[in-house]
PDB file of N, CA and C in Angstrom:
ATOM      1  N   MET A   1       0.849  -1.171   0.000  1.00  0.00           N
ATOM      2  CA  MET A   1       0.000   0.000   0.000  1.00  0.00           C
ATOM      3  C   MET A   1       0.899   1.240   0.000  1.00  0.00           C
ATOM      4  N   PRO A   2       0.619   2.178  -0.874  1.00  0.00           N
ATOM      5  CA  PRO A   2       1.424   3.408  -0.921  1.00  0.00           C
ATOM      6  C   PRO A   2       1.373   4.154   0.421  1.00  0.00           C
ATOM      7  N   PRO A   3       2.488   4.758   0.814  1.00  0.00           N
ATOM      8  CA  PRO A   3       2.549   5.426   2.126  1.00  0.00           C
ATOM      9  C   PRO A   3       1.477   6.496   2.331  1.00  0.00           C
ATOM     10  N   MET A   4       1.195   7.291   1.329  1.00  0.00           N
ATOM     11  CA  MET A   4       0.200   8.354   1.510  1.00  0.00           C
ATOM     12  C   MET A   4      -1.195   7.775   1.719  1.00  0.00           C
ATOM     13  N   ARG A   5      -1.493   6.665   1.071  1.00  0.00           N
ATOM     14  CA  ARG A   5      -2.800   6.027   1.276  1.00  0.00           C
ATOM     15  C   ARG A   5      -2.890   5.495   2.697  1.00  0.00           C
ATOM     16  N   SER A   6      -1.808   4.950   3.197  1.00  0.00           N
ATOM     17  CA  SER A   6      -1.795   4.454   4.572  1.00  0.00           C
ATOM     18  C   SER A   6      -2.055   5.579   5.561  1.00  0.00           C
ATOM     19  N   VAL A   7      -1.435   6.720   5.325  1.00  0.00           N
ATOM     20  CA  VAL A   7      -1.628   7.879   6.204  1.00  0.00           C
ATOM     21  C   VAL A   7      -3.082   8.330   6.150  1.00  0.00           C
ATOM     22  N   ARG A   8      -3.638   8.400   4.938  1.00  0.00           N
ATOM     23  CA  ARG A   8      -5.030   8.837   4.786  1.00  0.00           C
ATOM     24  C   ARG A   8      -5.986   7.887   5.489  1.00  0.00           C
ATOM     25  N   LEU A   9      -5.769   6.583   5.332  1.00  0.00           N
ATOM     26  CA  LEU A   9      -6.634   5.604   5.989  1.00  0.00           C
ATOM     27  C   LEU A   9      -6.511   5.678   7.505  1.00  0.00           C
ATOM     28  N   ALA A  10      -5.308   5.910   7.999  1.00  0.00           N
ATOM     29  CA  ALA A  10      -5.120   6.046   9.444  1.00  0.00           C
ATOM     30  C   ALA A  10      -5.867   7.259   9.978  1.00  0.00           C
ATOM     31  N   GLU A  11      -5.827   8.349   9.241  1.00  0.00           N
ATOM     32  CA  GLU A  11      -6.560   9.553   9.655  1.00  0.00           C
ATOM     33  C   GLU A  11      -8.062   9.313   9.629  1.00  0.00           C
ATOM     34  N   GLU A  12      -8.547   8.638   8.605  1.00  0.00           N
ATOM     35  CA  GLU A  12      -9.975   8.347   8.517  1.00  0.00           C
ATOM     36  C   GLU A  12     -10.416   7.422   9.637  1.00  0.00           C
ATOM     37  N   LEU A  13      -9.586   6.444   9.949  1.00  0.00           N
ATOM     38  CA  LEU A  13      -9.914   5.529  11.041  1.00  0.00           C
ATOM     39  C   LEU A  13      -9.991   6.277  12.363  1.00  0.00           C
ATOM     40  N   SER A  14      -9.081   7.191  12.578  1.00  0.00           N
ATOM     41  CA  SER A  14      -9.113   7.998  13.798  1.00  0.00           C
ATOM     42  C   SER A  14     -10.408   8.808  13.882  1.00  0.00           C
ATOM     43  N   THR A  15     -10.819   9.372  12.761  1.00  0.00           N
ATOM     44  CA  THR A  15     -12.071  10.131  12.721  1.00  0.00           C
ATOM     45  C   THR A  15     -13.261   9.220  13.003  1.00  0.00           C
ATOM     46  N   LEU A  16     -13.248   8.029  12.425  1.00  0.00           N
ATOM     47  CA  LEU A  16     -14.336   7.076  12.664  1.00  0.00           C
ATOM     48  C   LEU A  16     -14.381   6.633  14.124  1.00  0.00           C
ATOM     49  N   GLN A  17     -13.220   6.458  14.728  1.00  0.00           N
ATOM     50  CA  GLN A  17     -13.192   6.072  16.137  1.00  0.00           C
ATOM     51  C   GLN A  17     -13.817   7.156  17.010  1.00  0.00           C
ATOM     52  N   ALA A  18     -13.518   8.398  16.713  1.00  0.00           N
ATOM     53  CA  ALA A  18     -14.109   9.511  17.462  1.00  0.00           C
ATOM     54  C   ALA A  18     -15.624   9.533  17.261  1.00  0.00           C
ATOM     55  N   TYR A  19     -16.052   9.322  16.025  1.00  0.00           N
ATOM     56  CA  TYR A  19     -17.487   9.267  15.727  1.00  0.00           C
ATOM     57  C   TYR A  19     -18.146   8.155  16.546  1.00  0.00           C
ATOM     58  N   GLY A  20     -17.539   6.992  16.548  1.00  0.00           N
ATOM     59  CA  GLY A  20     -18.087   5.857  17.288  1.00  0.00           C
ATOM     60  C   GLY A  20     -18.172   6.123  18.777  1.00  0.00           C
ATOM     61  N   ARG A  21     -17.123   6.717  19.330  1.00  0.00           N
ATOM     62  CA  ARG A  21     -17.153   7.057  20.766  1.00  0.00           C
ATOM     63  C   ARG A  21     -18.289   8.012  21.078  1.00  0.00           C
ATOM     64  N   ASP A  22     -18.464   9.016  20.230  1.00  0.00           N
ATOM     65  CA  ASP A  22     -19.535  10.003  20.447  1.00  0.00           C
ATOM     66  C   ASP A  22     -20.912   9.347  20.362  1.00  0.00           C
ATOM     67  N   ARG A  23     -21.128   8.521  19.338  1.00  0.00           N
ATOM     68  CA  ARG A  23     -22.436   7.871  19.182  1.00  0.00           C
ATOM     69  C   ARG A  23     -22.706   6.891  20.321  1.00  0.00           C
ATOM     70  N   LEU A  24     -21.670   6.180  20.772  1.00  0.00           N
ATOM     71  CA  LEU A  24     -21.859   5.274  21.900  1.00  0.00           C
ATOM     72  C   LEU A  24     -22.245   6.056  23.154  1.00  0.00           C
ATOM     73  N   ALA A  25     -21.600   7.180  23.372  1.00  0.00           N
ATOM     74  CA  ALA A  25     -21.892   8.000  24.542  1.00  0.00           C
ATOM     75  C   ALA A  25     -23.330   8.511  24.499  1.00  0.00           C
ATOM     76  N   GLU A  26     -23.814   8.829  23.304  1.00  0.00           N
ATOM     77  CA  GLU A  26     -25.192   9.295  23.141  1.00  0.00           C
ATOM     78  C   GLU A  26     -26.195   8.155  23.216  1.00  0.00           C
ATOM     79  N   GLY A  27     -25.721   6.940  23.006  1.00  0.00           N
ATOM     80  CA  GLY A  27     -26.612   5.787  22.993  1.00  0.00           C
ATOM     81  C   GLY A  27     -27.330   5.599  21.668  1.00  0.00           C
ATOM     82  N   SER A  28     -26.873   6.293  20.612  1.00  0.00           N
ATOM     83  CA  SER A  28     -27.555   6.194  19.319  1.00  0.00           C
ATOM     84  C   SER A  28     -27.112   4.993  18.487  1.00  0.00           C
ATOM     85  N   ILE A  29     -25.999   4.347  18.858  1.00  0.00           N
ATOM     86  CA  ILE A  29     -25.587   3.105  18.204  1.00  0.00           C
ATOM     87  C   ILE A  29     -25.122   2.128  19.276  1.00  0.00           C
ATOM     88  N   ALA A  30     -25.130   0.859  18.916  1.00  0.00           N
ATOM     89  CA  ALA A  30     -24.651  -0.180  19.820  1.00  0.00           C
ATOM     90  C   ALA A  30     -23.198  -0.510  19.485  1.00  0.00           C
ATOM     91  N   LEU A  31     -22.487  -1.007  20.465  1.00  0.00           N
ATOM     92  CA  LEU A  31     -21.084  -1.363  20.271  1.00  0.00           C
ATOM     93  C   LEU A  31     -20.913  -2.326  19.092  1.00  0.00           C
ATOM     94  N   GLY A  32     -21.833  -3.246  18.935  1.00  0.00           N
ATOM     95  CA  GLY A  32     -21.756  -4.217  17.845  1.00  0.00           C
ATOM     96  C   GLY A  32     -21.941  -3.628  16.463  1.00  0.00           C
ATOM     97  N   ASP A  33     -22.473  -2.405  16.376  1.00  0.00           N
ATOM     98  CA  ASP A  33     -22.685  -1.747  15.084  1.00  0.00           C
ATOM     99  C   ASP A  33     -21.406  -1.135  14.511  1.00  0.00           C
ATOM    100  N   ILE A  34     -20.435  -0.871  15.342  1.00  0.00           N
ATOM    101  CA  ILE A  34     -19.245  -0.128  14.927  1.00  0.00           C
ATOM    102  C   ILE A  34     -18.452  -0.809  13.808  1.00  0.00           C
ATOM    103  N   PRO A  35     -18.171  -2.109  13.876  1.00  0.00           N
ATOM    104  CA  PRO A  35     -17.404  -2.718  12.776  1.00  0.00           C
ATOM    105  C   PRO A  35     -18.074  -2.557  11.406  1.00  0.00           C
ATOM    106  N   ALA A  36     -19.385  -2.739  11.352  1.00  0.00           N
ATOM    107  CA  ALA A  36     -20.088  -2.613  10.070  1.00  0.00           C
ATOM    108  C   ALA A  36     -20.059  -1.170   9.568  1.00  0.00           C
ATOM    109  N   ILE A  37     -20.230  -0.214  10.457  1.00  0.00           N
ATOM    110  CA  ILE A  37     -20.177   1.193  10.072  1.00  0.00           C
ATOM    111  C   ILE A  37     -18.786   1.539   9.549  1.00  0.00           C
ATOM    112  N   THR A  38     -17.763   1.079  10.256  1.00  0.00           N
ATOM    113  CA  THR A  38     -16.382   1.357   9.854  1.00  0.00           C
ATOM    114  C   THR A  38     -16.096   0.778   8.471  1.00  0.00           C
ATOM    115  N   ARG A  39     -16.475  -0.473   8.246  1.00  0.00           N
ATOM    116  CA  ARG A  39     -16.253  -1.098   6.933  1.00  0.00           C
ATOM    117  C   ARG A  39     -16.992  -0.333   5.840  1.00  0.00           C
ATOM    118  N   ARG A  40     -18.236   0.044   6.098  1.00  0.00           N
ATOM    119  CA  ARG A  40     -19.045   0.757   5.098  1.00  0.00           C
ATOM    120  C   ARG A  40     -18.394   2.091   4.721  1.00  0.00           C
ATOM    121  N   VAL A  41     -17.965   2.840   5.719  1.00  0.00           N
ATOM    122  CA  VAL A  41     -17.372   4.156   5.450  1.00  0.00           C
ATOM    123  C   VAL A  41     -16.043   4.015   4.726  1.00  0.00           C
ATOM    124  N   LEU A  42     -15.184   3.123   5.194  1.00  0.00           N
ATOM    125  CA  LEU A  42     -13.873   2.970   4.545  1.00  0.00           C
ATOM    126  C   LEU A  42     -14.021   2.422   3.130  1.00  0.00           C
ATOM    127  N   LYS A  43     -14.960   1.546   2.907  1.00  0.00           N
ATOM    128  CA  LYS A  43     -15.178   0.999   1.567  1.00  0.00           C
ATOM    129  C   LYS A  43     -15.634   2.123   0.616  1.00  0.00           C
ATOM    130  N   GLY A  44     -16.486   3.005   1.101  1.00  0.00           N
ATOM    131  CA  GLY A  44     -16.991   4.093   0.276  1.00  0.00           C
ATOM    132  C   GLY A  44     -15.940   5.145  -0.040  1.00  0.00           C
ATOM    133  N   ARG A  45     -14.897   5.242   0.787  1.00  0.00           N
ATOM    134  CA  ARG A  45     -13.860   6.249   0.594  1.00  0.00           C
ATOM    135  C   ARG A  45     -12.622   5.696  -0.097  1.00  0.00           C
ATOM    136  N   GLY A  46     -12.537   4.369  -0.218  1.00  0.00           N
ATOM    137  CA  GLY A  46     -11.325   3.753  -0.759  1.00  0.00           C
ATOM    138  C   GLY A  46     -11.244   3.831  -2.193  1.00  0.00           C
TER     139      GLY A  46
END
């Protein structure tokens, strides 16, 4: 994987983790939903 793509994916993952933490704190998503959301978002941006 090219280095710049790796950096971009790492940044996106960090953003998704923050999103997941916020939604979990609000109770709007369940912990089990996070992997599917992460895959969906990364697949759409890749």
